[in-house]
């Protein structure tokens, strides 16, 4: 398993070149391996490991084969509804990975407060790494449910989690860093794209890749603003449903429940904003989302 690298790709190359094959729907594993194939063709020599049907580990060597972890579940669902455009959906996963590979192992150092940013991440990032005293992220705050806000900085279009030693280098307090990172996020978010679904919900993304992190901004959930539900698909995308539209809220509840039960999801919780207050709900395994915390700012 650890040495399952580019052989994934070679097994698919002949089949993917066939025009008739484009009309067939790949299995989740087949789609995952198609992503691996695209990466392998452009970056031969990488370790590419299939972990499960929706997950790839990627690294420079077999010993460092989890430097990048990719979950293909969201784009697989998009592809399965549009199988004639396989390369479109594999590219949406492969392209940012290929851009990040040259940066692996680089000597990173935060050089300016302008690089600070807040990111939305699963709370697993705040757990201690097995066998060490280290955490994936050092500086973080709870958000809601199983999501946290993390302090990071950007360098060459790559996000790097901030360490306390970086605060010393910047000569900033933690409070100052949070405030500056929030302002930077607001500035860097850029245009947000909303793609409507047939049931009135919306798929929200942004060319900046920061759409999900925008949920951290106070103005996203504000008193007097719309009440809505949101389910975070990954670090770059979420689904939005205005609570004034029952068909939209039913869609997001059903779709999110299916994801929670069938895939390794980014977040297990459905977020809701009601008159400026957030709360999170968990799926009960049958037919309902149940609140796990009281509405709060």
Protein backbone atom coordinates (compact mmCIF):
# COMPACT_ATOMS: atom_id res chain seq x y z
CA UNK A 1 0.00 0.00 0.00
CA UNK A 2 2.77 2.43 0.93
CA UNK A 3 4.41 1.90 -2.45
CA UNK A 4 1.27 2.21 -4.48
CA UNK A 5 2.48 5.15 -6.49
CA UNK A 6 2.23 5.81 -10.16
CA UNK A 7 1.04 2.31 -11.05
CA UNK A 8 -2.45 3.64 -10.28
CA UNK A 9 -2.13 5.92 -13.26
CA UNK A 10 -0.67 3.49 -15.74
CA UNK A 11 -3.54 1.08 -15.31
CA UNK A 12 -5.98 3.77 -16.35
CA UNK A 13 -4.21 5.48 -19.21
CA UNK A 14 -5.49 3.28 -22.04
CA UNK A 15 -9.07 3.28 -20.82
CA UNK A 16 -9.22 7.03 -20.26
CA UNK A 17 -8.04 7.69 -23.79
CA UNK A 18 -11.07 5.91 -25.25
CA UNK A 19 -13.93 8.16 -26.39
CA UNK A 20 -16.55 5.55 -25.53
CA UNK A 21 -15.17 5.28 -22.00
CA UNK A 22 -16.10 8.91 -21.32
CA UNK A 23 -19.77 7.92 -21.39
CA UNK A 24 -19.29 5.43 -18.57
CA UNK A 25 -19.28 6.54 -14.96
CA UNK A 26 -16.13 5.65 -13.07
CA UNK A 27 -16.40 4.21 -9.59
CA UNK A 28 -15.17 6.40 -6.72
CA UNK A 29 -11.88 4.49 -6.78
CA UNK A 30 -11.62 4.90 -10.54
CA UNK A 31 -12.14 8.64 -10.27
CA UNK A 32 -9.59 8.87 -7.46
CA UNK A 33 -7.09 7.01 -9.62
CA UNK A 34 -7.83 9.28 -12.58
CA UNK A 35 -6.78 12.22 -10.41
CA UNK A 36 -3.63 10.30 -9.48
CA UNK A 37 -2.99 9.62 -13.16
CA UNK A 38 -3.17 13.31 -14.03
CA UNK A 39 -0.74 14.23 -11.25
CA UNK A 40 1.61 11.36 -12.08
CA UNK A 41 1.88 12.29 -15.74
CA UNK A 42 3.10 15.78 -14.87
CA UNK A 43 5.10 14.94 -11.76
CA UNK A 44 6.70 11.50 -12.23
CA UNK A 45 8.52 10.21 -9.18
CA UNK A 46 6.01 11.36 -6.57
CA UNK A 47 4.67 8.92 -4.03
CA UNK A 48 0.92 8.67 -4.66
CA UNK A 49 -0.91 6.37 -2.27
CA UNK A 50 -4.58 5.37 -2.39
CA UNK A 51 -5.81 5.36 1.21
CA UNK A 52 -9.49 4.66 0.63
CA UNK A 53 -11.88 5.15 -2.26
CA UNK A 54 -11.99 8.93 -1.76
CA UNK A 55 -8.51 9.72 -0.41
CA UNK A 56 -5.02 10.10 -1.86
CA UNK A 57 -1.79 10.71 0.00
CA UNK A 58 0.90 12.51 -1.99
CA UNK A 59 4.50 13.22 -1.10
CA UNK A 60 8.03 13.49 -2.38
CA UNK A 61 9.09 10.07 -1.06
CA UNK A 62 7.50 6.90 0.29
CA UNK A 63 8.57 8.00 3.77
CA UNK A 64 6.85 11.38 3.29
CA UNK A 65 3.82 10.20 1.36
CA UNK A 66 1.24 12.19 3.33
CA UNK A 67 2.63 15.68 2.79
CA UNK A 68 -0.55 16.40 0.83
CA UNK A 69 -3.85 14.65 1.59
CA UNK A 70 -6.58 14.89 -1.05
CA UNK A 71 -10.27 14.05 -0.59
CA UNK A 72 -12.02 13.46 -3.93
CA UNK A 73 -15.59 12.93 -2.67
CA UNK A 74 -17.05 16.33 -3.55
CA UNK A 75 -15.73 16.45 -7.11
CA UNK A 76 -16.61 12.80 -7.65
CA UNK A 77 -20.25 13.66 -7.01
CA UNK A 78 -20.05 16.52 -9.49
CA UNK A 79 -18.37 14.26 -12.05
CA UNK A 80 -20.91 11.44 -11.62
CA UNK A 81 -23.66 13.89 -12.65
CA UNK A 82 -21.59 14.99 -15.66
CA UNK A 83 -19.41 12.01 -16.70
CA UNK A 84 -18.58 13.33 -20.16
CA UNK A 85 -16.40 16.02 -18.53
CA UNK A 86 -14.10 13.80 -16.50
CA UNK A 87 -10.98 15.87 -17.17
CA UNK A 88 -12.71 19.03 -15.91
CA UNK A 89 -13.26 17.55 -12.47
CA UNK A 90 -9.93 15.76 -12.18
CA UNK A 91 -8.18 19.03 -13.10
CA UNK A 92 -9.99 20.89 -10.31
CA UNK A 93 -8.24 18.56 -7.88
CA UNK A 94 -4.96 18.00 -9.70
CA UNK A 95 -4.07 21.57 -10.68
CA UNK A 96 -3.72 23.06 -7.16
CA UNK A 97 -1.82 19.98 -6.02
CA UNK A 98 0.63 20.28 -8.90
CA UNK A 99 1.11 23.95 -8.03
CA UNK A 100 1.86 23.06 -4.40
CA UNK A 101 4.36 20.24 -5.03
CA UNK A 102 7.35 22.51 -5.80
CA UNK A 103 6.81 24.22 -2.45
CA UNK A 104 7.06 21.04 -0.38
CA UNK A 105 10.03 21.14 1.95
CA UNK A 106 10.76 24.80 1.24
CA UNK A 107 12.16 26.99 4.00
CA UNK A 108 9.17 29.08 5.04
CA UNK A 109 9.24 32.16 7.21
CA UNK A 110 6.55 34.78 7.70
CA UNK A 111 8.00 38.13 6.70
CA UNK A 112 5.09 40.54 6.91
CA UNK A 113 1.83 40.99 8.77
CA UNK A 114 0.25 41.47 5.34
CA UNK A 115 0.66 37.70 4.84
CA UNK A 116 -1.46 36.76 7.88
CA UNK A 117 -4.84 35.15 7.30
CA UNK A 118 -7.57 33.24 9.17
CA UNK A 119 -8.57 29.84 7.80
CA UNK A 120 -11.49 27.51 8.58
CA UNK A 121 -10.34 23.97 9.37
CA UNK A 122 -11.68 20.77 11.02
CA UNK A 123 -10.94 20.55 14.73
CA UNK A 124 -8.73 17.51 14.08
CA UNK A 125 -6.05 20.01 13.06
CA UNK A 126 -5.86 21.09 16.70
CA UNK A 127 -5.16 17.56 17.94
CA UNK A 128 -1.72 16.40 18.97
CA UNK A 129 0.13 14.55 16.23
CA UNK A 130 0.44 10.87 17.10
CA UNK A 131 3.70 10.08 18.86
CA UNK A 132 4.70 13.73 19.36
CA UNK A 133 3.81 16.78 21.40
CA UNK A 134 3.21 18.79 18.24
CA UNK A 135 -0.11 19.96 16.85
CA UNK A 136 -1.02 20.47 13.23
CA UNK A 137 -1.82 24.07 14.17
CA UNK A 138 -0.50 25.96 17.17
CA UNK A 139 -2.72 29.03 17.18
CA UNK A 140 -6.44 28.42 16.80
CA UNK A 141 -9.88 29.23 18.20
CA UNK A 142 -13.03 27.13 18.31
CA UNK A 143 -15.58 28.20 15.71
CA UNK A 144 -18.74 26.08 15.91
CA UNK A 145 -19.35 22.36 15.91
CA UNK A 146 -16.26 20.51 14.72
CA UNK A 147 -14.70 23.50 12.98
CA UNK A 148 -11.99 25.86 14.19
CA UNK A 149 -10.40 29.12 13.05
CA UNK A 150 -6.63 28.91 12.56
CA UNK A 151 -3.98 31.56 12.16
CA UNK A 152 -1.84 31.09 9.07
CA UNK A 153 0.14 33.08 6.55
CA UNK A 154 0.50 32.84 2.81
CA UNK A 155 3.68 32.45 0.84
CA UNK A 156 3.85 31.70 -2.90
CA UNK A 157 0.10 30.98 -2.86
CA UNK A 158 0.57 28.35 -0.14
CA UNK A 159 -1.00 28.61 3.32
CA UNK A 160 1.35 27.82 6.22
CA UNK A 161 0.11 27.56 9.80
CA UNK A 162 1.46 30.22 12.11
CA UNK A 163 3.70 29.23 15.03
CA UNK A 164 4.15 31.20 18.22
CA UNK A 165 7.75 31.80 17.21
CA UNK A 166 6.38 33.58 14.12
CA UNK A 167 4.55 36.03 16.39
CA UNK A 168 7.85 36.85 18.02
CA UNK A 169 9.44 37.43 14.61
CA UNK A 170 6.58 39.76 13.67
CA UNK A 171 6.69 41.48 17.07
CA UNK A 172 2.92 41.08 17.39
CA UNK A 173 0.66 39.84 20.15
CA UNK A 174 -1.74 37.03 19.38
CA UNK A 175 -4.69 39.44 19.60
CA UNK A 176 -3.03 41.78 17.11
CA UNK A 177 -2.36 38.88 14.75
CA UNK A 178 -6.00 37.73 14.84
CA UNK A 179 -7.24 41.24 14.09
CA UNK A 180 -4.80 41.72 11.23
CA UNK A 181 -5.51 38.27 9.78
CA UNK A 182 -9.26 38.94 9.80
CA UNK A 183 -8.77 42.20 7.93
CA UNK A 184 -6.50 40.46 5.42
CA UNK A 185 -9.06 37.70 4.85
CA UNK A 186 -11.73 40.29 4.12
CA UNK A 187 -9.43 41.95 1.59
CA UNK A 188 -8.23 38.74 -0.09
CA UNK A 189 -11.57 36.97 -0.34
CA UNK A 190 -12.42 38.69 -3.60
CA UNK A 191 -15.53 37.87 -5.64
CA UNK A 192 -17.73 35.05 -4.37
CA UNK A 193 -19.42 32.76 -6.87
CA UNK A 194 -22.88 31.34 -6.12
CA UNK A 195 -24.17 28.52 -8.28
CA UNK A 196 -27.87 27.79 -7.75
CA UNK A 197 -29.11 24.21 -7.36
CA UNK A 198 -32.51 23.04 -8.70
CA UNK A 199 -33.95 23.20 -5.18
CA UNK A 200 -32.92 26.79 -4.42
CA UNK A 201 -29.78 26.11 -2.41
CA UNK A 202 -26.45 27.51 -3.58
CA UNK A 203 -22.95 26.15 -4.04
CA UNK A 204 -20.59 28.89 -2.82
CA UNK A 205 -16.98 29.18 -3.98
CA UNK A 206 -14.43 31.87 -4.78
CA UNK A 207 -11.46 32.08 -7.14
CA UNK A 208 -9.34 32.96 -4.10
CA UNK A 209 -10.12 29.57 -2.54
CA UNK A 210 -11.28 31.32 0.64
CA UNK A 211 -15.07 30.96 0.40
CA UNK A 212 -15.37 28.60 3.37
CA UNK A 213 -13.07 30.74 5.50
CA UNK A 214 -15.40 33.70 4.84
CA UNK A 215 -17.84 32.04 7.25
CA UNK A 216 -15.46 33.26 9.98
CA UNK A 217 -16.07 36.93 9.19
CA UNK A 218 -18.53 38.63 11.59
CA UNK A 219 -20.53 40.15 8.74
CA UNK A 220 -21.29 36.72 7.26
CA UNK A 221 -23.70 35.98 10.11
CA UNK A 222 -25.05 39.30 11.39
CA UNK A 223 -28.04 40.56 13.33
CA UNK A 224 -30.74 41.64 10.92
CA UNK A 225 -29.17 39.63 8.10
CA UNK A 226 -30.59 36.49 6.50
CA UNK A 227 -30.94 33.30 8.49
CA UNK A 228 -29.33 30.42 6.64
CA UNK A 229 -27.85 26.93 6.82
CA UNK A 230 -24.34 26.09 5.61
CA UNK A 231 -22.53 22.80 5.15
CA UNK A 232 -18.78 23.02 4.56
CA UNK A 233 -17.68 20.68 1.76
CA UNK A 234 -13.97 21.44 1.92
CA UNK A 235 -11.63 24.34 2.59
CA UNK A 236 -12.80 26.10 -0.59
CA UNK A 237 -16.52 25.34 -0.95
CA UNK A 238 -19.74 25.20 1.03
CA UNK A 239 -23.46 24.81 0.40
CA UNK A 240 -25.82 27.61 1.44
CA UNK A 241 -29.58 27.53 2.00
CA UNK A 242 -31.71 30.54 2.90
CA UNK A 243 -34.03 29.44 5.71
CA UNK A 244 -36.84 31.39 4.02
CA UNK A 245 -36.79 28.71 1.29
CA UNK A 246 -38.04 25.36 2.67
CA UNK A 247 -37.03 23.42 -0.46
CA UNK A 248 -33.48 24.74 -0.12
CA UNK A 249 -33.16 23.84 3.56
CA UNK A 250 -34.60 20.39 2.87
CA UNK A 251 -32.07 19.89 0.09
CA UNK A 252 -29.06 20.90 2.19
CA UNK A 253 -30.23 18.76 5.12
CA UNK A 254 -30.68 15.69 2.94
CA UNK A 255 -27.53 16.11 0.90
CA UNK A 256 -25.40 16.83 3.96
CA UNK A 257 -26.81 13.80 5.78
CA UNK A 258 -25.93 11.60 2.81
CA UNK A 259 -22.37 12.93 2.76
CA UNK A 260 -21.92 12.40 6.50
CA UNK A 261 -23.09 8.80 6.22
CA UNK A 262 -21.22 7.82 3.07
CA UNK A 263 -17.95 9.77 2.82
CA UNK A 264 -15.03 11.05 4.84
CA UNK A 265 -16.43 14.57 5.15
CA UNK A 266 -14.58 17.78 5.95
CA UNK A 267 -17.09 18.57 8.71
CA UNK A 268 -19.70 16.37 10.38
CA UNK A 269 -21.88 19.32 11.34
CA UNK A 270 -24.52 21.47 9.71
CA UNK A 271 -24.08 25.16 10.61
CA UNK A 272 -27.00 27.53 11.01
CA UNK A 273 -27.06 31.32 11.35
CA UNK A 274 -30.18 32.81 12.94
CA UNK A 275 -30.34 36.59 13.33
CA UNK A 276 -26.61 36.95 13.85
CA UNK A 277 -26.12 33.85 16.03
CA UNK A 278 -24.43 30.61 14.97
CA UNK A 279 -25.23 27.13 16.11
CA UNK A 280 -24.23 23.66 14.91
CA UNK A 281 -26.22 20.45 14.48
CA UNK A 282 -25.22 16.81 14.13
CA UNK A 283 -27.05 14.15 12.13
CA UNK A 284 -28.72 11.56 14.36
CA UNK A 285 -28.18 8.73 11.90
CA UNK A 286 -31.84 8.43 10.98
CA UNK A 287 -33.74 11.43 9.70
CA UNK A 288 -32.89 14.58 11.65
CA UNK A 289 -30.19 17.13 12.42
CA UNK A 290 -30.12 17.84 16.17
CA UNK A 291 -28.55 20.96 17.72
CA UNK A 292 -25.32 20.27 19.60
CA UNK A 293 -24.89 23.79 20.92
CA UNK A 294 -27.07 26.74 21.77
CA UNK A 295 -27.16 29.66 19.32
CA UNK A 296 -24.22 31.92 20.06
CA UNK A 297 -22.00 34.54 18.46
